[in-house]
Amino acid sequence: MNKPRLLDLFCGAGGCSEGYRRAGFEPYGIDIVKQPHYPFPILIMDALEALDRLIKGEGLTFSNGETLYLKDFAAIHASPPCQGYSSSMNHHTTKDYPLLIVIVRNKLQKTGKVWVIENVRSLRSIPKEHRLNGIILCGTAFGLHIQRHRWFEASIPLMSPSCQHSISVLNPYRSLSRKRDGISGTSDKKWIHEMGVDWMVGKEATEAIPPAYTEYIGKYLMQHVLPRE
């Protein structure tokens, strides 16, 4: 039996995609920025434009030559830019970051597919009435020496495993000026290995989501996309 396909919007270098692969999906990525180390078929274009085209019934042609339509995907994951939602952002910054979660959610709901949205924990810019129920995942819940709390909202119920903050954690930033929470610094190589993203380099890994997170989420998705016996 062919593996169900999953579309990963705003895919970056593929941390989330790899987790879904481990859960049994066949990932396809879309990102507006070239991602030379993304390990699966990818299309470089605006993710919202791509989603609109799929909803209209148009196809998308990926780097492996396949042209796929909305019906070809069993599930969709989206990781909209997180900077505008982060509590760590300077309130006086002059850079204008897009706030896309509500827009993305509305489009995903139109697809009729099982979907997941991932973003930072704080979500300070989303009014409470615009939030749906979600869960927080932490690397320590999966035995990783990484906290990296991330929020996941889905069209299906999810359960959240407990953090294990007694586990010592690594800091991806080697610069002492960016050292946070008393977390000791670490080498790029050690961080990449602990994250489980050995194909990534430099900034790709410091911005990535550990595949363990979406492997966990993907097992819930599988229960809803596989044919019932």
Foldseek 3Di string as FASTA:
>chain_A
DDFAEEEEEQQFQHQQVVLLVLLGHQYEYEDCDDHVLNPHWYDRDHRVVQLVCLLVFHWDATPVGDTDHLVRHQEYEYEADAQVQDPPDDPPDPDDGDDCPLVVVVSRVSSVHKYKYKYADRRVPDPPVSDDDWEWAALQLVVFLGGRIMIMDIPDDDDYGDHDVVRHHEDDDPDPVPDPPPRDYDDNCVQCVSLVNNSDDDPSSNPHHRSNVSNRVSNVSCVVRDDDD
